[in-house]
Amino acid sequence: MPAEVNRPKKAGGRGRGRRTERTPIVASTGVCAAQLALHGDGTHLVSRDMAIETMRQTGLDMMTKYKETSEGGLAVNVTVC
């Protein structure tokens, strides 16, 4: 008999395996981010105000239908309910 294949368990029709696979990756990313933050001397190349202004400009450049998930993207093209 072949060894059991490690497949995600189903819960209400949805796979749970991905969450358990992502958890170590997310934890590792958090540790790396903390190490980078603690390694620095506290100076920043990009100011908070510059980052916020850049995000504001990006938001203004985006098409409205992509700003609200109910108006564009998967919400329009895929109906699950």
C-alpha atoms as a PDB file:
ATOM      1  CA  MET A   1       0.000   0.000   0.000  1.00  0.00           C
ATOM      2  CA  PRO A   2       1.495   3.401  -0.965  1.00  0.00           C
ATOM      3  CA  ALA A   3       2.272   5.958   1.728  1.00  0.00           C
ATOM      4  CA  GLU A   4      -0.571   8.325   2.478  1.00  0.00           C
ATOM      5  CA  VAL A   5      -0.411  11.502   0.407  1.00  0.00           C
ATOM      6  CA  ASN A   6      -0.353  14.678   2.494  1.00  0.00           C
ATOM      7  CA  ARG A   7      -3.448  16.450   1.202  1.00  0.00           C
ATOM      8  CA  PRO A   8      -5.224  19.411   2.805  1.00  0.00           C
ATOM      9  CA  LYS A   9      -8.183  18.349   4.930  1.00  0.00           C
ATOM     10  CA  LYS A  10     -11.552  19.599   3.814  1.00  0.00           C
ATOM     11  CA  ALA A  11     -13.694  21.717   6.125  1.00  0.00           C
ATOM     12  CA  GLY A  12     -16.996  22.699   4.627  1.00  0.00           C
ATOM     13  CA  GLY A  13     -15.598  22.232   1.134  1.00  0.00           C
ATOM     14  CA  ARG A  14     -12.583  24.464   1.693  1.00  0.00           C
ATOM     15  CA  GLY A  15      -9.015  23.252   2.043  1.00  0.00           C
ATOM     16  CA  ARG A  16      -7.241  23.977   5.321  1.00  0.00           C
ATOM     17  CA  GLY A  17      -3.780  22.888   4.237  1.00  0.00           C
ATOM     18  CA  ARG A  18      -2.639  26.209   2.862  1.00  0.00           C
ATOM     19  CA  ARG A  19      -2.975  27.953   6.229  1.00  0.00           C
ATOM     20  CA  THR A  20      -0.694  25.463   7.956  1.00  0.00           C
ATOM     21  CA  GLU A  21       1.816  25.740   5.113  1.00  0.00           C
ATOM     22  CA  ARG A  22       1.856  29.546   5.300  1.00  0.00           C
ATOM     23  CA  THR A  23       2.244  29.849   9.067  1.00  0.00           C
ATOM     24  CA  PRO A  24       5.998  29.016   9.169  1.00  0.00           C
ATOM     25  CA  ILE A  25       6.634  31.306   6.197  1.00  0.00           C
ATOM     26  CA  VAL A  26       4.805  34.203   7.865  1.00  0.00           C
ATOM     27  CA  ALA A  27       6.670  33.610  11.124  1.00  0.00           C
ATOM     28  CA  SER A  28       9.992  33.561   9.286  1.00  0.00           C
ATOM     29  CA  THR A  29       9.111  36.787   7.474  1.00  0.00           C
ATOM     30  CA  GLY A  30       8.279  38.440  10.802  1.00  0.00           C
ATOM     31  CA  VAL A  31      11.586  37.345  12.329  1.00  0.00           C
ATOM     32  CA  CYS A  32      13.513  38.670   9.308  1.00  0.00           C
ATOM     33  CA  ALA A  33      11.661  42.003   9.481  1.00  0.00           C
ATOM     34  CA  ALA A  34      12.442  42.327  13.190  1.00  0.00           C
ATOM     35  CA  GLN A  35      16.113  41.535  12.594  1.00  0.00           C
ATOM     36  CA  LEU A  36      16.312  44.163   9.855  1.00  0.00           C
ATOM     37  CA  ALA A  37      14.617  46.749  12.060  1.00  0.00           C
ATOM     38  CA  LEU A  38      16.904  46.039  15.012  1.00  0.00           C
ATOM     39  CA  HIS A  39      20.012  46.036  12.809  1.00  0.00           C
ATOM     40  CA  GLY A  40      19.507  49.628  11.669  1.00  0.00           C
ATOM     41  CA  ASP A  41      20.448  52.814  13.500  1.00  0.00           C
ATOM     42  CA  GLY A  42      16.960  54.335  13.420  1.00  0.00           C
ATOM     43  CA  THR A  43      17.455  56.602  10.411  1.00  0.00           C
ATOM     44  CA  HIS A  44      15.095  56.271   7.460  1.00  0.00           C
ATOM     45  CA  LEU A  45      15.793  56.921   3.793  1.00  0.00           C
ATOM     46  CA  VAL A  46      12.099  57.498   3.095  1.00  0.00           C
ATOM     47  CA  SER A  47      10.153  59.684   5.495  1.00  0.00           C
ATOM     48  CA  ARG A  48       6.706  58.675   6.727  1.00  0.00           C
ATOM     49  CA  ASP A  49       5.178  61.709   5.025  1.00  0.00           C
ATOM     50  CA  MET A  50       6.815  60.786   1.709  1.00  0.00           C
ATOM     51  CA  ALA A  51       5.493  57.214   1.960  1.00  0.00           C
ATOM     52  CA  ILE A  52       1.968  58.425   2.773  1.00  0.00           C
ATOM     53  CA  GLU A  53       2.019  60.930  -0.103  1.00  0.00           C
ATOM     54  CA  THR A  54       3.168  58.197  -2.490  1.00  0.00           C
ATOM     55  CA  MET A  55       0.306  55.918  -1.362  1.00  0.00           C
ATOM     56  CA  ARG A  56      -2.148  58.824  -1.805  1.00  0.00           C
ATOM     57  CA  GLN A  57      -0.921  59.451  -5.355  1.00  0.00           C
ATOM     58  CA  THR A  58      -1.147  55.729  -6.151  1.00  0.00           C
ATOM     59  CA  GLY A  59      -4.738  55.689  -4.879  1.00  0.00           C
ATOM     60  CA  LEU A  60      -5.623  58.671  -7.072  1.00  0.00           C
ATOM     61  CA  ASP A  61      -4.119  56.942 -10.118  1.00  0.00           C
ATOM     62  CA  MET A  62      -6.096  53.714  -9.557  1.00  0.00           C
ATOM     63  CA  MET A  63      -9.339  53.171 -11.404  1.00  0.00           C
ATOM     64  CA  THR A  64     -12.338  53.462  -9.065  1.00  0.00           C
ATOM     65  CA  LYS A  65     -13.638  49.982  -9.842  1.00  0.00           C
ATOM     66  CA  TYR A  66     -10.447  48.460  -8.405  1.00  0.00           C
ATOM     67  CA  LYS A  67     -10.624  50.420  -5.158  1.00  0.00           C
ATOM     68  CA  GLU A  68     -13.798  48.647  -3.978  1.00  0.00           C
ATOM     69  CA  THR A  69     -13.767  44.868  -4.135  1.00  0.00           C
ATOM     70  CA  SER A  70     -17.516  44.822  -4.781  1.00  0.00           C
ATOM     71  CA  GLU A  71     -17.151  46.837  -7.993  1.00  0.00           C
ATOM     72  CA  GLY A  72     -14.349  45.055  -9.829  1.00  0.00           C
ATOM     73  CA  GLY A  73     -11.947  42.145  -9.968  1.00  0.00           C
ATOM     74  CA  LEU A  74     -13.027  38.746  -8.695  1.00  0.00           C
ATOM     75  CA  ALA A  75     -16.188  40.122  -7.074  1.00  0.00           C
ATOM     76  CA  VAL A  76     -17.575  40.883 -10.517  1.00  0.00           C
ATOM     77  CA  ASN A  77     -16.256  37.870 -12.414  1.00  0.00           C
ATOM     78  CA  VAL A  78     -16.674  35.051  -9.886  1.00  0.00           C
ATOM     79  CA  THR A  79     -19.918  34.413  -8.031  1.00  0.00           C
ATOM     80  CA  VAL A  80     -19.537  31.861  -5.245  1.00  0.00           C
ATOM     81  CA  CYS A  81     -22.752  32.494  -3.326  1.00  0.00           C
END
